Amino acid sequence: PNEVIEMVADHFGLKANLLKGKKRTKNLADARHLAMFLLRVDEEISLQEVGRIMGGRDHTTVMHAVEKVKNLAATLEKWQREVEALRKRVFGGLVG
């Protein structure tokens, strides 16, 4: 999980510890949501565990992030490209 978080943070030019923090700027929130999505959907980590890994967030926060990324990736090409680029970077394109 930490490797996924580090790669997502690097992709967005952020420090990994920021993804686990409290700040909610748009760029940071988007990166955090994408990290939660990858951990939950591709790594198949439980909602509770993803929340714990991501700074002690509630499982409903993780659910919201996963649904948000799914919906945005299904409707916006920009988000679909982000998800594909991150999957390729993190998993070598083996998932999805």
C-alpha atoms as a PDB file:
ATOM      1  CA  PRO A   1       0.000   0.000   0.000  1.00  0.00           C
ATOM      2  CA  ASN A   2       2.764   2.500   0.805  1.00  0.00           C
ATOM      3  CA  GLU A   3       4.295   1.961  -2.629  1.00  0.00           C
ATOM      4  CA  VAL A   4       0.947   2.761  -4.282  1.00  0.00           C
ATOM      5  CA  ILE A   5       0.599   5.920  -2.188  1.00  0.00           C
ATOM      6  CA  GLU A   6       4.166   7.003  -2.995  1.00  0.00           C
ATOM      7  CA  MET A   7       3.689   6.471  -6.743  1.00  0.00           C
ATOM      8  CA  VAL A   8       0.375   8.359  -6.789  1.00  0.00           C
ATOM      9  CA  ALA A   9       1.939  11.217  -4.819  1.00  0.00           C
ATOM     10  CA  ASP A  10       4.929  11.315  -7.171  1.00  0.00           C
ATOM     11  CA  HIS A  11       2.593  11.299 -10.198  1.00  0.00           C
ATOM     12  CA  PHE A  12       0.981  14.479  -8.839  1.00  0.00           C
ATOM     13  CA  GLY A  13       4.266  16.024  -7.653  1.00  0.00           C
ATOM     14  CA  LEU A  14       3.285  15.679  -3.976  1.00  0.00           C
ATOM     15  CA  LYS A  15       4.839  14.161  -0.874  1.00  0.00           C
ATOM     16  CA  ALA A  16       3.260  10.848   0.173  1.00  0.00           C
ATOM     17  CA  ASN A  17       2.587  12.024   3.722  1.00  0.00           C
ATOM     18  CA  LEU A  18       0.314  14.784   2.348  1.00  0.00           C
ATOM     19  CA  LEU A  19      -2.061  12.143   0.968  1.00  0.00           C
ATOM     20  CA  LYS A  20      -2.548  10.845   4.495  1.00  0.00           C
ATOM     21  CA  GLY A  21      -2.975  14.325   5.983  1.00  0.00           C
ATOM     22  CA  LYS A  22      -5.952  16.603   6.577  1.00  0.00           C
ATOM     23  CA  LYS A  23      -5.493  19.232   3.840  1.00  0.00           C
ATOM     24  CA  ARG A  24      -8.205  19.184   1.186  1.00  0.00           C
ATOM     25  CA  THR A  25      -7.005  21.297  -1.729  1.00  0.00           C
ATOM     26  CA  LYS A  26      -8.438  20.063  -5.031  1.00  0.00           C
ATOM     27  CA  ASN A  27      -5.175  18.617  -6.384  1.00  0.00           C
ATOM     28  CA  LEU A  28      -4.459  16.890  -3.086  1.00  0.00           C
ATOM     29  CA  ALA A  29      -8.003  15.550  -2.706  1.00  0.00           C
ATOM     30  CA  ASP A  30      -7.980  14.202  -6.270  1.00  0.00           C
ATOM     31  CA  ALA A  31      -4.677  12.413  -5.668  1.00  0.00           C
ATOM     32  CA  ARG A  32      -5.939  11.053  -2.342  1.00  0.00           C
ATOM     33  CA  HIS A  33      -9.138   9.766  -3.979  1.00  0.00           C
ATOM     34  CA  LEU A  34      -7.176   8.072  -6.735  1.00  0.00           C
ATOM     35  CA  ALA A  35      -4.885   6.407  -4.190  1.00  0.00           C
ATOM     36  CA  MET A  36      -7.905   5.148  -2.225  1.00  0.00           C
ATOM     37  CA  PHE A  37      -9.456   3.873  -5.462  1.00  0.00           C
ATOM     38  CA  LEU A  38      -6.344   1.917  -6.440  1.00  0.00           C
ATOM     39  CA  LEU A  39      -5.932   0.459  -2.958  1.00  0.00           C
ATOM     40  CA  ARG A  40      -9.577  -0.613  -2.739  1.00  0.00           C
ATOM     41  CA  VAL A  41     -10.323  -1.726  -6.315  1.00  0.00           C
ATOM     42  CA  ASP A  42      -6.991  -3.018  -7.596  1.00  0.00           C
ATOM     43  CA  GLU A  43      -5.308  -4.106  -4.367  1.00  0.00           C
ATOM     44  CA  GLU A  44      -8.638  -5.359  -2.929  1.00  0.00           C
ATOM     45  CA  ILE A  45      -7.908  -3.932   0.515  1.00  0.00           C
ATOM     46  CA  SER A  46     -10.944  -3.560   2.801  1.00  0.00           C
ATOM     47  CA  LEU A  47     -12.626  -0.177   3.175  1.00  0.00           C
ATOM     48  CA  GLN A  48     -11.654  -0.028   6.835  1.00  0.00           C
ATOM     49  CA  GLU A  49      -8.020  -0.878   6.134  1.00  0.00           C
ATOM     50  CA  VAL A  50      -7.744   1.672   3.310  1.00  0.00           C
ATOM     51  CA  GLY A  51      -9.168   4.271   5.682  1.00  0.00           C
ATOM     52  CA  ARG A  52      -6.605   3.339   8.335  1.00  0.00           C
ATOM     53  CA  ILE A  53      -3.738   3.443   5.825  1.00  0.00           C
ATOM     54  CA  MET A  54      -4.885   6.829   4.513  1.00  0.00           C
ATOM     55  CA  GLY A  55      -4.579   8.609   7.837  1.00  0.00           C
ATOM     56  CA  GLY A  56      -7.379   7.136   9.915  1.00  0.00           C
ATOM     57  CA  ARG A  57     -10.266   8.003   7.633  1.00  0.00           C
ATOM     58  CA  ASP A  58     -13.706   6.454   8.010  1.00  0.00           C
ATOM     59  CA  HIS A  59     -14.718   3.610   5.684  1.00  0.00           C
ATOM     60  CA  THR A  60     -17.520   5.799   4.285  1.00  0.00           C
ATOM     61  CA  THR A  61     -14.908   8.331   3.169  1.00  0.00           C
ATOM     62  CA  VAL A  62     -13.164   5.564   1.234  1.00  0.00           C
ATOM     63  CA  MET A  63     -16.493   4.447  -0.280  1.00  0.00           C
ATOM     64  CA  HIS A  64     -17.165   8.018  -1.413  1.00  0.00           C
ATOM     65  CA  ALA A  65     -13.700   8.332  -2.970  1.00  0.00           C
ATOM     66  CA  VAL A  66     -14.002   5.021  -4.845  1.00  0.00           C
ATOM     67  CA  GLU A  67     -17.463   5.891  -6.210  1.00  0.00           C
ATOM     68  CA  LYS A  68     -16.323   9.383  -7.179  1.00  0.00           C
ATOM     69  CA  VAL A  69     -13.340   8.065  -9.150  1.00  0.00           C
ATOM     70  CA  LYS A  70     -15.471   5.344 -10.813  1.00  0.00           C
ATOM     71  CA  ASN A  71     -18.091   7.888 -11.875  1.00  0.00           C
ATOM     72  CA  LEU A  72     -15.587  10.487 -13.078  1.00  0.00           C
ATOM     73  CA  ALA A  73     -13.549   7.894 -14.997  1.00  0.00           C
ATOM     74  CA  ALA A  74     -16.743   6.628 -16.648  1.00  0.00           C
ATOM     75  CA  THR A  75     -17.826  10.103 -17.770  1.00  0.00           C
ATOM     76  CA  LEU A  76     -14.669  12.185 -18.230  1.00  0.00           C
ATOM     77  CA  GLU A  77     -11.837  11.182 -20.524  1.00  0.00           C
ATOM     78  CA  LYS A  78      -9.337  13.152 -18.406  1.00  0.00           C
ATOM     79  CA  TRP A  79     -10.108  10.988 -15.356  1.00  0.00           C
ATOM     80  CA  GLN A  80     -10.068   7.795 -17.408  1.00  0.00           C
ATOM     81  CA  ARG A  81      -6.569   8.723 -18.628  1.00  0.00           C
ATOM     82  CA  GLU A  82      -5.423   9.477 -15.060  1.00  0.00           C
ATOM     83  CA  VAL A  83      -6.646   6.088 -13.805  1.00  0.00           C
ATOM     84  CA  GLU A  84      -5.014   4.275 -16.736  1.00  0.00           C
ATOM     85  CA  ALA A  85      -1.729   6.174 -16.329  1.00  0.00           C
ATOM     86  CA  LEU A  86      -1.601   5.437 -12.601  1.00  0.00           C
ATOM     87  CA  ARG A  87      -2.464   1.768 -13.097  1.00  0.00           C
ATOM     88  CA  LYS A  88       0.291   1.471 -15.674  1.00  0.00           C
ATOM     89  CA  ARG A  89       2.770   3.232 -13.404  1.00  0.00           C
ATOM     90  CA  VAL A  90       1.832   1.356 -10.218  1.00  0.00           C
ATOM     91  CA  PHE A  91       0.998  -2.076 -11.580  1.00  0.00           C
ATOM     92  CA  GLY A  92       2.775  -2.118 -14.929  1.00  0.00           C
ATOM     93  CA  GLY A  93      -0.570  -2.108 -16.755  1.00  0.00           C
ATOM     94  CA  LEU A  94      -1.473  -5.567 -15.413  1.00  0.00           C
ATOM     95  CA  VAL A  95      -4.741  -4.430 -13.789  1.00  0.00           C
ATOM     96  CA  GLY A  96      -7.926  -3.034 -15.235  1.00  0.00           C
END
